[in-house]
Amino acid sequence: MLTHKGTTRIETPRLILRRFTKEDLEPGYYNIWSDYEVWKWTNYAPMHCVADVINNAHMFTENWLAAYEQPNRYSWAIELKETHEVIGRLFGMHPDDRIGAVELAYELGRKWWNRGYMTEGASAIIDYFIREVGFHRVFAYHASGNPASGRVMQKCGMTYEGTLRQAGKCNLGIIDAVYYSVLAEEYRLKPLRNEE
């Protein structure tokens, strides 16, 4: 039985994971979505200016922000404690009450890559999903051409499940999707590997 709690504030040693606000629109664009190296791995429509975040990607609209009132809405801004900058996003997609599963997705501004921030944030979200909400299975996938995303999944204690050929799509086109997951029972049995 799931107990949906929505996007609650979560703190880690270096990060604050919280709801997005209207004030995060510009820093979110400049720190994350304006960079082709980040954007190419997503499904977002092109964002060439701040207004495109609203008009093309349909984020930060009234409806998008109002969705936080739904208890099964999981969309965190990643705020760096040191500078209070929004540097990325973590979200739980397609929560499935029937089988107790949720898909984890994320993106991080390139300036903050290779510092362990995403592993730190994603580990906290997995813990929240399993211990607080009660999900049985948390899964994620990455494009085969983006192995760095897979290393985050591995460091968060997720297990490789398989590669589905031409089963996903990002802004580079159709991609092979590399799947990882963690189940509640195995999560409770082994410590997470949070090394950088």
Protein backbone atom coordinates (compact mmCIF):
# COMPACT_ATOMS: atom_id res chain seq x y z
CA MET A 1 0.00 0.00 0.00
CA LEU A 2 1.47 3.33 -1.06
CA THR A 3 1.28 6.47 1.04
CA HIS A 4 1.76 9.28 -1.47
CA LYS A 5 3.30 12.33 0.18
CA GLY A 6 4.18 14.42 -2.84
CA THR A 7 7.26 16.55 -3.31
CA THR A 8 8.42 17.12 0.25
CA ARG A 9 11.57 19.02 1.18
CA ILE A 10 14.58 16.73 1.65
CA GLU A 11 18.06 17.78 2.77
CA THR A 12 21.32 15.98 2.13
CA PRO A 13 24.79 17.09 3.25
CA ARG A 14 25.22 19.40 0.23
CA LEU A 15 21.77 19.74 -1.30
CA ILE A 16 18.24 20.90 -0.65
CA LEU A 17 15.65 19.00 -2.69
CA ARG A 18 12.45 21.04 -2.86
CA ARG A 19 9.55 22.13 -5.03
CA PHE A 20 10.24 24.45 -7.91
CA THR A 21 8.93 28.01 -7.61
CA LYS A 22 8.43 30.72 -10.25
CA GLU A 23 11.72 32.25 -9.14
CA ASP A 24 13.56 29.14 -10.35
CA LEU A 25 12.59 29.69 -13.99
CA GLU A 26 15.59 31.80 -15.08
CA PRO A 27 18.30 29.99 -13.07
CA GLY A 28 16.81 26.67 -14.18
CA TYR A 29 17.10 27.70 -17.80
CA TYR A 30 20.62 29.11 -17.59
CA ASN A 31 22.02 26.41 -15.29
CA ILE A 32 20.36 23.36 -16.85
CA TRP A 33 18.16 23.48 -19.95
CA SER A 34 20.05 26.02 -22.07
CA ASP A 35 23.00 23.63 -22.43
CA TYR A 36 22.83 21.29 -25.41
CA GLU A 37 24.92 18.69 -23.57
CA VAL A 38 22.11 18.39 -21.00
CA TRP A 39 19.18 18.98 -23.33
CA LYS A 40 20.18 16.33 -25.89
CA TRP A 41 19.52 13.49 -23.42
CA THR A 42 16.00 14.74 -22.61
CA ASN A 43 12.71 14.77 -24.49
CA TYR A 44 12.14 18.48 -23.94
CA ALA A 45 11.31 20.70 -26.88
CA PRO A 46 14.10 23.12 -27.84
CA MET A 47 14.70 25.91 -25.34
CA HIS A 48 16.62 28.82 -26.84
CA CYS A 49 15.48 31.42 -24.31
CA VAL A 50 13.76 31.62 -20.93
CA ALA A 51 10.32 31.99 -22.53
CA ASP A 52 10.79 28.66 -24.33
CA VAL A 53 10.81 26.86 -20.97
CA ILE A 54 7.17 27.89 -20.62
CA ASN A 55 6.05 27.99 -24.24
CA ASN A 56 7.90 24.95 -25.64
CA ALA A 57 8.61 22.70 -22.65
CA HIS A 58 5.42 23.72 -20.80
CA MET A 59 7.19 23.99 -17.45
CA PHE A 60 6.60 26.74 -14.91
CA THR A 61 3.06 27.32 -16.16
CA GLU A 62 0.27 27.77 -13.63
CA ASN A 63 -0.90 24.20 -14.26
CA TRP A 64 2.63 22.81 -13.95
CA LEU A 65 3.15 24.50 -10.59
CA ALA A 66 -0.37 23.66 -9.40
CA ALA A 67 0.34 19.96 -9.99
CA TYR A 68 2.29 20.01 -6.71
CA GLU A 69 -1.09 19.85 -4.96
CA GLN A 70 -1.44 16.27 -6.19
CA PRO A 71 -0.06 13.80 -3.64
CA ASN A 72 1.56 11.67 -6.35
CA ARG A 73 3.46 14.57 -7.96
CA TYR A 74 7.20 14.09 -7.49
CA SER A 75 9.37 16.85 -9.00
CA TRP A 76 12.30 18.28 -7.06
CA ALA A 77 14.54 21.22 -7.77
CA ILE A 78 18.12 20.46 -6.77
CA GLU A 79 19.43 23.44 -4.83
CA LEU A 80 23.09 23.65 -3.88
CA LYS A 81 23.32 24.61 -0.20
CA GLU A 82 26.62 26.45 -0.65
CA THR A 83 25.34 28.92 -3.23
CA HIS A 84 21.51 28.45 -3.16
CA GLU A 85 21.60 27.91 -6.93
CA VAL A 86 19.18 25.54 -8.65
CA ILE A 87 21.48 23.17 -10.52
CA GLY A 88 19.22 20.31 -11.58
CA ARG A 89 16.03 18.33 -11.31
CA LEU A 90 14.96 14.94 -9.91
CA PHE A 91 11.53 13.52 -10.58
CA GLY A 92 9.42 10.42 -10.17
CA MET A 93 7.53 9.62 -13.36
CA HIS A 94 4.46 7.45 -13.90
CA PRO A 95 3.90 6.27 -10.32
CA ASP A 96 2.04 2.96 -10.57
CA ASP A 97 -0.05 2.17 -7.49
CA ARG A 98 -1.06 -1.20 -8.88
CA ILE A 99 2.45 -2.66 -8.72
CA GLY A 100 4.10 -0.08 -6.45
CA ALA A 101 6.63 1.17 -9.00
CA VAL A 102 7.98 4.55 -10.02
CA GLU A 103 10.47 5.70 -12.66
CA LEU A 104 13.31 7.94 -11.49
CA ALA A 105 14.59 10.59 -13.91
CA TYR A 106 17.05 13.43 -13.50
CA GLU A 107 19.13 16.12 -15.12
CA LEU A 108 22.00 18.20 -13.81
CA GLY A 109 23.72 21.30 -15.15
CA ARG A 110 27.06 20.46 -16.79
CA LYS A 111 29.00 22.82 -14.51
CA TRP A 112 28.20 20.44 -11.62
CA TRP A 113 28.92 17.10 -13.30
CA ASN A 114 31.41 14.63 -11.76
CA ARG A 115 31.09 15.97 -8.22
CA GLY A 116 28.73 13.35 -6.81
CA TYR A 117 25.75 15.72 -6.57
CA MET A 118 23.38 13.58 -8.60
CA THR A 119 24.30 10.41 -6.74
CA GLU A 120 23.69 12.25 -3.47
CA GLY A 121 20.32 13.59 -4.57
CA ALA A 122 19.09 10.45 -6.31
CA SER A 123 20.06 8.28 -3.32
CA ALA A 124 17.96 10.50 -1.06
CA ILE A 125 14.98 10.27 -3.42
CA ILE A 126 15.24 6.47 -3.68
CA ASP A 127 15.29 6.28 0.12
CA TYR A 128 12.23 8.53 0.30
CA PHE A 129 10.36 6.53 -2.33
CA ILE A 130 10.98 3.21 -0.59
CA ARG A 131 10.91 4.11 3.12
CA GLU A 132 8.36 6.96 3.13
CA VAL A 133 6.04 6.38 0.17
CA GLY A 134 6.29 2.60 0.11
CA PHE A 135 7.23 1.94 -3.50
CA HIS A 136 8.29 -1.65 -4.10
CA ARG A 137 10.33 -0.91 -7.21
CA VAL A 138 12.23 2.20 -8.30
CA PHE A 139 13.61 2.01 -11.83
CA ALA A 140 15.43 4.23 -14.27
CA TYR A 141 16.95 4.04 -17.70
CA HIS A 142 19.56 5.91 -19.65
CA ALA A 143 20.54 6.15 -23.29
CA SER A 144 23.31 3.71 -24.12
CA GLY A 145 25.35 6.68 -25.34
CA ASN A 146 25.19 8.32 -21.90
CA PRO A 147 27.00 5.87 -19.58
CA ALA A 148 27.65 8.57 -16.96
CA SER A 149 23.94 8.44 -16.12
CA GLY A 150 24.26 4.69 -15.63
CA ARG A 151 27.12 5.18 -13.19
CA VAL A 152 24.80 7.30 -11.04
CA MET A 153 22.28 4.45 -11.01
CA GLN A 154 24.98 1.96 -10.03
CA LYS A 155 26.26 4.17 -7.21
CA CYS A 156 22.69 4.50 -5.92
CA GLY A 157 22.53 0.72 -5.48
CA MET A 158 20.46 -0.03 -8.55
CA THR A 159 20.89 -3.31 -10.43
CA TYR A 160 21.33 -3.56 -14.19
CA GLU A 161 18.28 -5.25 -15.72
CA GLY A 162 19.00 -5.19 -19.43
CA THR A 163 19.21 -3.11 -22.56
CA LEU A 164 16.15 -2.71 -24.74
CA ARG A 165 17.16 -2.03 -28.30
CA GLN A 166 15.70 1.13 -29.86
CA ALA A 167 13.19 1.34 -27.00
CA GLY A 168 13.59 4.99 -26.01
CA LYS A 169 13.74 8.44 -27.52
CA CYS A 170 15.62 11.57 -26.64
CA ASN A 171 16.54 14.67 -28.58
CA LEU A 172 19.26 12.72 -30.40
CA GLY A 173 16.64 10.33 -31.78
CA ILE A 174 15.76 6.71 -31.05
CA ILE A 175 18.13 5.16 -28.50
CA ASP A 176 18.88 1.83 -26.86
CA ALA A 177 17.49 2.08 -23.31
CA VAL A 178 19.66 0.68 -20.50
CA TYR A 179 17.49 -0.21 -17.50
CA TYR A 180 18.35 -0.35 -13.80
CA SER A 181 16.16 -0.89 -10.74
CA VAL A 182 16.19 -1.38 -7.00
CA LEU A 183 13.56 -3.37 -5.10
CA ALA A 184 12.45 -2.52 -1.57
CA GLU A 185 13.55 -5.83 -0.07
CA GLU A 186 17.07 -5.65 -1.50
CA TYR A 187 17.39 -1.96 -0.70
CA ARG A 188 16.84 -2.69 2.99
CA LEU A 189 19.43 -5.49 2.93
CA LYS A 190 22.41 -3.68 1.44
CA PRO A 191 23.89 -0.26 2.15
CA LEU A 192 23.98 2.24 -0.70
CA ARG A 193 27.33 3.03 -2.27
CA ASN A 194 27.48 6.81 -2.13
CA GLU A 195 31.09 7.25 -3.11
CA GLU A 196 31.86 9.94 -5.64
